[in-house]
All heavy atoms as atom14 arrays in JSON, in Angstrom:
{
  "sequence": "VVGSGDNRVLLVLPDIYSSFGAAIGVVKLVGDPPAGVPSTT",
  "atom14_mask": [
    [1, 1, 1, 1, 1, 1, 1, 0, 0, 0, 0, 0, 0, 0],
    [1, 1, 1, 1, 1, 1, 1, 0, 0, 0, 0, 0, 0, 0],
    [1, 1, 1, 1, 0, 0, 0, 0, 0, 0, 0, 0, 0, 0],
    [1, 1, 1, 1, 1, 1, 0, 0, 0, 0, 0, 0, 0, 0],
    [1, 1, 1, 1, 0, 0, 0, 0, 0, 0, 0, 0, 0, 0],
    [1, 1, 1, 1, 1, 1, 1, 1, 0, 0, 0, 0, 0, 0],
    [1, 1, 1, 1, 1, 1, 1, 1, 0, 0, 0, 0, 0, 0],
    [1, 1, 1, 1, 1, 1, 1, 1, 1, 1, 1, 0, 0, 0],
    [1, 1, 1, 1, 1, 1, 1, 0, 0, 0, 0, 0, 0, 0],
    [1, 1, 1, 1, 1, 1, 1, 1, 0, 0, 0, 0, 0, 0],
    [1, 1, 1, 1, 1, 1, 1, 1, 0, 0, 0, 0, 0, 0],
    [1, 1, 1, 1, 1, 1, 1, 0, 0, 0, 0, 0, 0, 0],
    [1, 1, 1, 1, 1, 1, 1, 1, 0, 0, 0, 0, 0, 0],
    [1, 1, 1, 1, 1, 1, 1, 0, 0, 0, 0, 0, 0, 0],
    [1, 1, 1, 1, 1, 1, 1, 1, 0, 0, 0, 0, 0, 0],
    [1, 1, 1, 1, 1, 1, 1, 1, 0, 0, 0, 0, 0, 0],
    [1, 1, 1, 1, 1, 1, 1, 1, 1, 1, 1, 1, 0, 0],
    [1, 1, 1, 1, 1, 1, 0, 0, 0, 0, 0, 0, 0, 0],
    [1, 1, 1, 1, 1, 1, 0, 0, 0, 0, 0, 0, 0, 0],
    [1, 1, 1, 1, 1, 1, 1, 1, 1, 1, 1, 0, 0, 0],
    [1, 1, 1, 1, 0, 0, 0, 0, 0, 0, 0, 0, 0, 0],
    [1, 1, 1, 1, 1, 0, 0, 0, 0, 0, 0, 0, 0, 0],
    [1, 1, 1, 1, 1, 0, 0, 0, 0, 0, 0, 0, 0, 0],
    [1, 1, 1, 1, 1, 1, 1, 1, 0, 0, 0, 0, 0, 0],
    [1, 1, 1, 1, 0, 0, 0, 0, 0, 0, 0, 0, 0, 0],
    [1, 1, 1, 1, 1, 1, 1, 0, 0, 0, 0, 0, 0, 0],
    [1, 1, 1, 1, 1, 1, 1, 0, 0, 0, 0, 0, 0, 0],
    [1, 1, 1, 1, 1, 1, 1, 1, 1, 0, 0, 0, 0, 0],
    [1, 1, 1, 1, 1, 1, 1, 1, 0, 0, 0, 0, 0, 0],
    [1, 1, 1, 1, 1, 1, 1, 0, 0, 0, 0, 0, 0, 0],
    [1, 1, 1, 1, 0, 0, 0, 0, 0, 0, 0, 0, 0, 0],
    [1, 1, 1, 1, 1, 1, 1, 1, 0, 0, 0, 0, 0, 0],
    [1, 1, 1, 1, 1, 1, 1, 0, 0, 0, 0, 0, 0, 0],
    [1, 1, 1, 1, 1, 1, 1, 0, 0, 0, 0, 0, 0, 0],
    [1, 1, 1, 1, 1, 0, 0, 0, 0, 0, 0, 0, 0, 0],
    [1, 1, 1, 1, 0, 0, 0, 0, 0, 0, 0, 0, 0, 0],
    [1, 1, 1, 1, 1, 1, 1, 0, 0, 0, 0, 0, 0, 0],
    [1, 1, 1, 1, 1, 1, 1, 0, 0, 0, 0, 0, 0, 0],
    [1, 1, 1, 1, 1, 1, 0, 0, 0, 0, 0, 0, 0, 0],
    [1, 1, 1, 1, 1, 1, 1, 0, 0, 0, 0, 0, 0, 0],
    [1, 1, 1, 1, 1, 1, 1, 0, 0, 0, 0, 0, 0, 0]
  ],
  "atom14_positions": [
    [[-19.92, 17.96, 47.7], [-19.35, 16.65, 47.97], [-19.05, 16.63, 49.46], [-18.32, 17.48, 49.98], [-18.08, 16.39, 47.15], [-17.47, 15.06, 47.53], [-18.4, 16.42, 45.67], [0.0, 0.0, 0.0], [0.0, 0.0, 0.0], [0.0, 0.0, 0.0], [0.0, 0.0, 0.0], [0.0, 0.0, 0.0], [0.0, 0.0, 0.0], [0.0, 0.0, 0.0]],
    [[-19.63, 15.66, 50.16], [-19.47, 15.56, 51.62], [-18.72, 14.28, 51.93], [-19.07, 13.21, 51.45], [-20.85, 15.55, 52.31], [-20.68, 15.48, 53.82], [-21.66, 16.77, 51.91], [0.0, 0.0, 0.0], [0.0, 0.0, 0.0], [0.0, 0.0, 0.0], [0.0, 0.0, 0.0], [0.0, 0.0, 0.0], [0.0, 0.0, 0.0], [0.0, 0.0, 0.0]],
    [[-17.68, 14.39, 52.76], [-16.9, 13.24, 53.18], [-15.59, 13.14, 52.43], [-15.22, 14.03, 51.66], [0.0, 0.0, 0.0], [0.0, 0.0, 0.0], [0.0, 0.0, 0.0], [0.0, 0.0, 0.0], [0.0, 0.0, 0.0], [0.0, 0.0, 0.0], [0.0, 0.0, 0.0], [0.0, 0.0, 0.0], [0.0, 0.0, 0.0], [0.0, 0.0, 0.0]],
    [[-14.88, 12.05, 52.69], [-13.6, 11.83, 52.04], [-13.41, 10.35, 51.79], [-14.04, 9.51, 52.44], [-12.45, 12.37, 52.91], [-12.43, 11.7, 54.15], [0.0, 0.0, 0.0], [0.0, 0.0, 0.0], [0.0, 0.0, 0.0], [0.0, 0.0, 0.0], [0.0, 0.0, 0.0], [0.0, 0.0, 0.0], [0.0, 0.0, 0.0], [0.0, 0.0, 0.0]],
    [[-12.55, 10.04, 50.86], [-12.25, 8.64, 50.55], [-13.44, 7.9, 49.98], [-14.15, 8.41, 49.1], [0.0, 0.0, 0.0], [0.0, 0.0, 0.0], [0.0, 0.0, 0.0], [0.0, 0.0, 0.0], [0.0, 0.0, 0.0], [0.0, 0.0, 0.0], [0.0, 0.0, 0.0], [0.0, 0.0, 0.0], [0.0, 0.0, 0.0], [0.0, 0.0, 0.0]],
    [[-13.69, 6.7, 50.51], [-14.81, 5.89, 50.04], [-16.15, 6.34, 50.61], [-17.19, 5.89, 50.17], [-14.58, 4.42, 50.42], [-13.41, 3.82, 49.66], [-13.09, 4.33, 48.57], [-12.82, 2.84, 50.16], [0.0, 0.0, 0.0], [0.0, 0.0, 0.0], [0.0, 0.0, 0.0], [0.0, 0.0, 0.0], [0.0, 0.0, 0.0], [0.0, 0.0, 0.0]],
    [[-16.13, 7.23, 51.6], [-17.36, 7.68, 52.25], [-17.88, 9.0, 51.69], [-18.59, 9.72, 52.37], [-17.13, 7.83, 53.75], [-16.87, 6.5, 54.41], [-17.37, 5.48, 53.96], [-16.08, 6.5, 55.45], [0.0, 0.0, 0.0], [0.0, 0.0, 0.0], [0.0, 0.0, 0.0], [0.0, 0.0, 0.0], [0.0, 0.0, 0.0], [0.0, 0.0, 0.0]],
    [[-17.53, 9.32, 50.45], [-18.0, 10.57, 49.84], [-19.39, 10.37, 49.25], [-19.69, 9.32, 48.67], [-17.05, 11.03, 48.75], [-15.71, 11.46, 49.26], [-14.87, 12.09, 48.21], [-14.7, 11.19, 47.05], [-14.14, 11.54, 45.91], [-13.7, 12.77, 45.74], [-14.01, 10.68, 44.93], [0.0, 0.0, 0.0], [0.0, 0.0, 0.0], [0.0, 0.0, 0.0]],
    [[-20.23, 11.39, 49.39], [-21.55, 11.41, 48.77], [-21.79, 12.79, 48.19], [-21.19, 13.77, 48.61], [-22.68, 11.05, 49.76], [-22.63, 9.61, 50.17], [-22.67, 11.96, 50.95], [0.0, 0.0, 0.0], [0.0, 0.0, 0.0], [0.0, 0.0, 0.0], [0.0, 0.0, 0.0], [0.0, 0.0, 0.0], [0.0, 0.0, 0.0], [0.0, 0.0, 0.0]],
    [[-22.67, 12.84, 47.22], [-23.05, 14.1, 46.57], [-24.41, 14.51, 47.12], [-25.39, 13.78, 46.99], [-23.1, 13.9, 45.06], [-23.37, 15.12, 44.21], [-22.23, 16.11, 44.34], [-23.57, 14.73, 42.76], [0.0, 0.0, 0.0], [0.0, 0.0, 0.0], [0.0, 0.0, 0.0], [0.0, 0.0, 0.0], [0.0, 0.0, 0.0], [0.0, 0.0, 0.0]],
    [[-24.47, 15.69, 47.77], [-25.7, 16.2, 48.35], [-25.98, 17.6, 47.83], [-25.05, 18.35, 47.54], [-25.59, 16.28, 49.88], [-25.38, 14.97, 50.64], [-25.12, 15.27, 52.1], [-26.6, 14.09, 50.48], [0.0, 0.0, 0.0], [0.0, 0.0, 0.0], [0.0, 0.0, 0.0], [0.0, 0.0, 0.0], [0.0, 0.0, 0.0], [0.0, 0.0, 0.0]],
    [[-27.25, 17.95, 47.73], [-27.64, 19.31, 47.37], [-27.92, 20.05, 48.68], [-28.85, 19.72, 49.4], [-28.87, 19.31, 46.45], [-29.3, 20.73, 46.15], [-28.57, 18.57, 45.17], [0.0, 0.0, 0.0], [0.0, 0.0, 0.0], [0.0, 0.0, 0.0], [0.0, 0.0, 0.0], [0.0, 0.0, 0.0], [0.0, 0.0, 0.0], [0.0, 0.0, 0.0]],
    [[-27.05, 21.03, 48.99], [-27.12, 21.78, 50.24], [-27.11, 23.27, 49.96], [-26.71, 23.69, 48.88], [-25.91, 21.43, 51.12], [-25.75, 19.97, 51.54], [-24.39, 19.76, 52.19], [-26.86, 19.57, 52.48], [0.0, 0.0, 0.0], [0.0, 0.0, 0.0], [0.0, 0.0, 0.0], [0.0, 0.0, 0.0], [0.0, 0.0, 0.0], [0.0, 0.0, 0.0]],
    [[-27.51, 24.1, 50.93], [-27.43, 25.54, 50.74], [-25.97, 25.99, 50.58], [-25.06, 25.37, 51.12], [-28.03, 26.12, 52.02], [-28.76, 25.01, 52.65], [-28.13, 23.74, 52.19], [0.0, 0.0, 0.0], [0.0, 0.0, 0.0], [0.0, 0.0, 0.0], [0.0, 0.0, 0.0], [0.0, 0.0, 0.0], [0.0, 0.0, 0.0], [0.0, 0.0, 0.0]],
    [[-25.78, 27.06, 49.87], [-24.43, 27.58, 49.61], [-23.96, 28.45, 50.79], [-23.73, 29.64, 50.65], [-24.44, 28.37, 48.31], [-23.05, 28.65, 47.8], [-22.1, 28.0, 48.29], [-22.9, 29.51, 46.91], [0.0, 0.0, 0.0], [0.0, 0.0, 0.0], [0.0, 0.0, 0.0], [0.0, 0.0, 0.0], [0.0, 0.0, 0.0], [0.0, 0.0, 0.0]],
    [[-23.81, 27.83, 51.96], [-23.4, 28.55, 53.18], [-22.12, 28.0, 53.77], [-21.65, 28.49, 54.79], [-24.51, 28.48, 54.26], [-24.87, 27.03, 54.54], [-25.71, 29.28, 53.84], [-25.78, 26.84, 55.71], [0.0, 0.0, 0.0], [0.0, 0.0, 0.0], [0.0, 0.0, 0.0], [0.0, 0.0, 0.0], [0.0, 0.0, 0.0], [0.0, 0.0, 0.0]],
    [[-21.54, 27.0, 53.14], [-20.38, 26.31, 53.69], [-19.05, 26.84, 53.17], [-18.02, 26.21, 53.38], [-20.48, 24.81, 53.4], [-21.65, 24.13, 54.06], [-22.88, 24.02, 53.43], [-21.53, 23.61, 55.34], [-23.96, 23.41, 54.04], [-22.6, 22.99, 55.97], [-23.8, 22.89, 55.31], [-24.87, 22.29, 55.93], [0.0, 0.0, 0.0], [0.0, 0.0, 0.0]],
    [[-19.04, 27.99, 52.54], [-17.82, 28.47, 51.9], [-16.72, 28.81, 52.9], [-15.55, 28.55, 52.66], [-18.12, 29.68, 51.03], [-18.69, 30.71, 51.8], [0.0, 0.0, 0.0], [0.0, 0.0, 0.0], [0.0, 0.0, 0.0], [0.0, 0.0, 0.0], [0.0, 0.0, 0.0], [0.0, 0.0, 0.0], [0.0, 0.0, 0.0], [0.0, 0.0, 0.0]],
    [[-17.06, 29.38, 54.06], [-16.02, 29.82, 54.99], [-15.47, 28.7, 55.86], [-14.31, 28.74, 56.27], [-16.54, 30.95, 55.88], [-17.6, 30.5, 56.68], [0.0, 0.0, 0.0], [0.0, 0.0, 0.0], [0.0, 0.0, 0.0], [0.0, 0.0, 0.0], [0.0, 0.0, 0.0], [0.0, 0.0, 0.0], [0.0, 0.0, 0.0], [0.0, 0.0, 0.0]],
    [[-16.25, 27.67, 56.15], [-15.8, 26.62, 57.05], [-16.04, 25.21, 56.52], [-15.77, 24.24, 57.21], [-16.51, 26.75, 58.42], [-18.0, 26.84, 58.32], [-18.77, 25.71, 58.17], [-18.63, 28.06, 58.37], [-20.15, 25.78, 58.08], [-20.01, 28.15, 58.29], [-20.77, 27.01, 58.14], [0.0, 0.0, 0.0], [0.0, 0.0, 0.0], [0.0, 0.0, 0.0]],
    [[-16.52, 25.08, 55.31], [-16.9, 23.78, 54.76], [-15.78, 22.78, 54.65], [-15.97, 21.6, 54.96], [0.0, 0.0, 0.0], [0.0, 0.0, 0.0], [0.0, 0.0, 0.0], [0.0, 0.0, 0.0], [0.0, 0.0, 0.0], [0.0, 0.0, 0.0], [0.0, 0.0, 0.0], [0.0, 0.0, 0.0], [0.0, 0.0, 0.0], [0.0, 0.0, 0.0]],
    [[-14.6, 23.19, 54.24], [-13.49, 22.25, 54.09], [-13.09, 21.64, 55.42], [-12.69, 20.48, 55.49], [-12.3, 22.95, 53.44], [0.0, 0.0, 0.0], [0.0, 0.0, 0.0], [0.0, 0.0, 0.0], [0.0, 0.0, 0.0], [0.0, 0.0, 0.0], [0.0, 0.0, 0.0], [0.0, 0.0, 0.0], [0.0, 0.0, 0.0], [0.0, 0.0, 0.0]],
    [[-13.21, 22.4, 56.49], [-12.82, 21.9, 57.82], [-13.79, 20.85, 58.34], [-13.4, 20.01, 59.15], [-12.73, 23.06, 58.8], [0.0, 0.0, 0.0], [0.0, 0.0, 0.0], [0.0, 0.0, 0.0], [0.0, 0.0, 0.0], [0.0, 0.0, 0.0], [0.0, 0.0, 0.0], [0.0, 0.0, 0.0], [0.0, 0.0, 0.0], [0.0, 0.0, 0.0]],
    [[-15.05, 20.88, 57.89], [-16.02, 19.89, 58.35], [-16.37, 18.87, 57.27], [-17.28, 18.08, 57.43], [-17.3, 20.57, 58.89], [-18.0, 21.4, 57.82], [-16.99, 21.4, 60.11], [-19.35, 21.93, 58.25], [0.0, 0.0, 0.0], [0.0, 0.0, 0.0], [0.0, 0.0, 0.0], [0.0, 0.0, 0.0], [0.0, 0.0, 0.0], [0.0, 0.0, 0.0]],
    [[-15.63, 18.88, 56.17], [-15.79, 17.86, 55.14], [-16.87, 18.13, 54.12], [-17.35, 17.21, 53.48], [0.0, 0.0, 0.0], [0.0, 0.0, 0.0], [0.0, 0.0, 0.0], [0.0, 0.0, 0.0], [0.0, 0.0, 0.0], [0.0, 0.0, 0.0], [0.0, 0.0, 0.0], [0.0, 0.0, 0.0], [0.0, 0.0, 0.0], [0.0, 0.0, 0.0]],
    [[-17.27, 19.4, 53.95], [-18.3, 19.76, 52.97], [-17.68, 20.71, 51.96], [-17.29, 21.82, 52.31], [-19.52, 20.43, 53.66], [-20.57, 20.79, 52.63], [-20.1, 19.54, 54.73], [0.0, 0.0, 0.0], [0.0, 0.0, 0.0], [0.0, 0.0, 0.0], [0.0, 0.0, 0.0], [0.0, 0.0, 0.0], [0.0, 0.0, 0.0], [0.0, 0.0, 0.0]],
    [[-17.56, 20.27, 50.71], [-16.9, 21.07, 49.67], [-17.87, 21.28, 48.53], [-18.49, 20.34, 48.03], [-15.63, 20.35, 49.16], [-14.94, 21.16, 48.09], [-14.68, 20.05, 50.31], [0.0, 0.0, 0.0], [0.0, 0.0, 0.0], [0.0, 0.0, 0.0], [0.0, 0.0, 0.0], [0.0, 0.0, 0.0], [0.0, 0.0, 0.0], [0.0, 0.0, 0.0]],
    [[-18.01, 22.54, 48.11], [-18.9, 22.88, 47.0], [-18.38, 22.25, 45.72], [-17.19, 22.31, 45.42], [-18.98, 24.4, 46.86], [-19.93, 24.87, 45.8], [-20.0, 26.38, 45.77], [-20.87, 26.89, 44.67], [-20.91, 28.36, 44.66], [0.0, 0.0, 0.0], [0.0, 0.0, 0.0], [0.0, 0.0, 0.0], [0.0, 0.0, 0.0], [0.0, 0.0, 0.0]],
    [[-19.28, 21.66, 44.95], [-18.92, 21.0, 43.71], [-18.73, 22.04, 42.62], [-19.59, 22.87, 42.38], [-20.0, 20.01, 43.31], [-19.75, 19.21, 42.03], [-18.54, 18.31, 42.21], [-20.96, 18.39, 41.68], [0.0, 0.0, 0.0], [0.0, 0.0, 0.0], [0.0, 0.0, 0.0], [0.0, 0.0, 0.0], [0.0, 0.0, 0.0], [0.0, 0.0, 0.0]],
    [[-17.56, 21.97, 41.96], [-17.27, 22.84, 40.84], [-17.02, 21.94, 39.64], [-16.13, 21.09, 39.67], [-16.04, 23.73, 41.12], [-15.71, 24.6, 39.92], [-16.26, 24.57, 42.36], [0.0, 0.0, 0.0], [0.0, 0.0, 0.0], [0.0, 0.0, 0.0], [0.0, 0.0, 0.0], [0.0, 0.0, 0.0], [0.0, 0.0, 0.0], [0.0, 0.0, 0.0]],
    [[-17.8, 22.11, 38.6], [-17.64, 21.27, 37.41], [-18.44, 19.98, 37.53], [-19.49, 19.93, 38.17], [0.0, 0.0, 0.0], [0.0, 0.0, 0.0], [0.0, 0.0, 0.0], [0.0, 0.0, 0.0], [0.0, 0.0, 0.0], [0.0, 0.0, 0.0], [0.0, 0.0, 0.0], [0.0, 0.0, 0.0], [0.0, 0.0, 0.0], [0.0, 0.0, 0.0]],
    [[-17.92, 18.93, 36.91], [-18.61, 17.64, 36.89], [-18.4, 16.9, 38.21], [-17.37, 17.05, 38.86], [-18.07, 16.77, 35.75], [-18.42, 17.34, 34.38], [-19.45, 18.05, 34.3], [-17.66, 17.1, 33.43], [0.0, 0.0, 0.0], [0.0, 0.0, 0.0], [0.0, 0.0, 0.0], [0.0, 0.0, 0.0], [0.0, 0.0, 0.0], [0.0, 0.0, 0.0]],
    [[-19.37, 16.07, 38.61], [-19.2, 15.29, 39.84], [-18.1, 14.25, 39.67], [-17.89, 13.73, 38.57], [-20.55, 14.63, 40.05], [-21.3, 14.78, 38.79], [-20.69, 15.88, 38.01], [0.0, 0.0, 0.0], [0.0, 0.0, 0.0], [0.0, 0.0, 0.0], [0.0, 0.0, 0.0], [0.0, 0.0, 0.0], [0.0, 0.0, 0.0], [0.0, 0.0, 0.0]],
    [[-17.37, 13.94, 40.73], [-16.32, 12.93, 40.64], [-16.89, 11.55, 40.32], [-18.02, 11.24, 40.72], [-15.69, 12.93, 42.04], [-16.19, 14.13, 42.73], [-17.44, 14.54, 42.06], [0.0, 0.0, 0.0], [0.0, 0.0, 0.0], [0.0, 0.0, 0.0], [0.0, 0.0, 0.0], [0.0, 0.0, 0.0], [0.0, 0.0, 0.0], [0.0, 0.0, 0.0]],
    [[-16.13, 10.75, 39.64], [-16.58, 9.41, 39.27], [-16.67, 8.54, 40.52], [-15.81, 8.59, 41.39], [-15.6, 8.79, 38.28], [0.0, 0.0, 0.0], [0.0, 0.0, 0.0], [0.0, 0.0, 0.0], [0.0, 0.0, 0.0], [0.0, 0.0, 0.0], [0.0, 0.0, 0.0], [0.0, 0.0, 0.0], [0.0, 0.0, 0.0], [0.0, 0.0, 0.0]],
    [[-17.73, 7.76, 40.6], [-17.89, 6.83, 41.71], [-18.48, 7.42, 42.97], [-18.57, 6.75, 43.98], [0.0, 0.0, 0.0], [0.0, 0.0, 0.0], [0.0, 0.0, 0.0], [0.0, 0.0, 0.0], [0.0, 0.0, 0.0], [0.0, 0.0, 0.0], [0.0, 0.0, 0.0], [0.0, 0.0, 0.0], [0.0, 0.0, 0.0], [0.0, 0.0, 0.0]],
    [[-18.89, 8.69, 42.94], [-19.51, 9.32, 44.12], [-21.02, 9.3, 43.93], [-21.55, 9.94, 43.03], [-18.99, 10.77, 44.3], [-19.69, 11.43, 45.47], [-17.49, 10.77, 44.5], [0.0, 0.0, 0.0], [0.0, 0.0, 0.0], [0.0, 0.0, 0.0], [0.0, 0.0, 0.0], [0.0, 0.0, 0.0], [0.0, 0.0, 0.0], [0.0, 0.0, 0.0]],
    [[-21.73, 8.55, 44.79], [-23.18, 8.46, 44.62], [-23.9, 9.72, 45.08], [-23.46, 10.4, 46.0], [-23.55, 7.26, 45.49], [-22.51, 7.24, 46.55], [-21.25, 7.73, 45.88], [0.0, 0.0, 0.0], [0.0, 0.0, 0.0], [0.0, 0.0, 0.0], [0.0, 0.0, 0.0], [0.0, 0.0, 0.0], [0.0, 0.0, 0.0], [0.0, 0.0, 0.0]],
    [[-25.02, 10.01, 44.45], [-25.87, 11.12, 44.85], [-26.97, 10.56, 45.75], [-27.55, 9.52, 45.46], [-26.47, 11.78, 43.62], [-27.36, 12.79, 44.0], [0.0, 0.0, 0.0], [0.0, 0.0, 0.0], [0.0, 0.0, 0.0], [0.0, 0.0, 0.0], [0.0, 0.0, 0.0], [0.0, 0.0, 0.0], [0.0, 0.0, 0.0], [0.0, 0.0, 0.0]],
    [[-27.25, 11.24, 46.84], [-28.25, 10.76, 47.79], [-28.92, 11.94, 48.47], [-28.62, 13.09, 48.16], [-27.62, 9.79, 48.81], [-28.66, 9.24, 49.62], [-26.61, 10.49, 49.68], [0.0, 0.0, 0.0], [0.0, 0.0, 0.0], [0.0, 0.0, 0.0], [0.0, 0.0, 0.0], [0.0, 0.0, 0.0], [0.0, 0.0, 0.0], [0.0, 0.0, 0.0]],
    [[-29.81, 11.65, 49.39], [-30.48, 12.69, 50.15], [-29.84, 12.79, 51.54], [-29.13, 11.88, 51.97], [-31.98, 12.39, 50.31], [-32.14, 11.19, 51.05], [-32.66, 12.28, 48.95], [0.0, 0.0, 0.0], [0.0, 0.0, 0.0], [0.0, 0.0, 0.0], [0.0, 0.0, 0.0], [0.0, 0.0, 0.0], [0.0, 0.0, 0.0], [0.0, 0.0, 0.0]]
  ]
}
């Protein structure tokens, strides 16, 4: 899940953002995707 608030999108990215992802707005999805977050490229 990339972004925050209304600007969140669901992207498929490499699993390399674990150490710094939260600081740049990229959080690995755990479980089901949040409601209302569109999936895009």
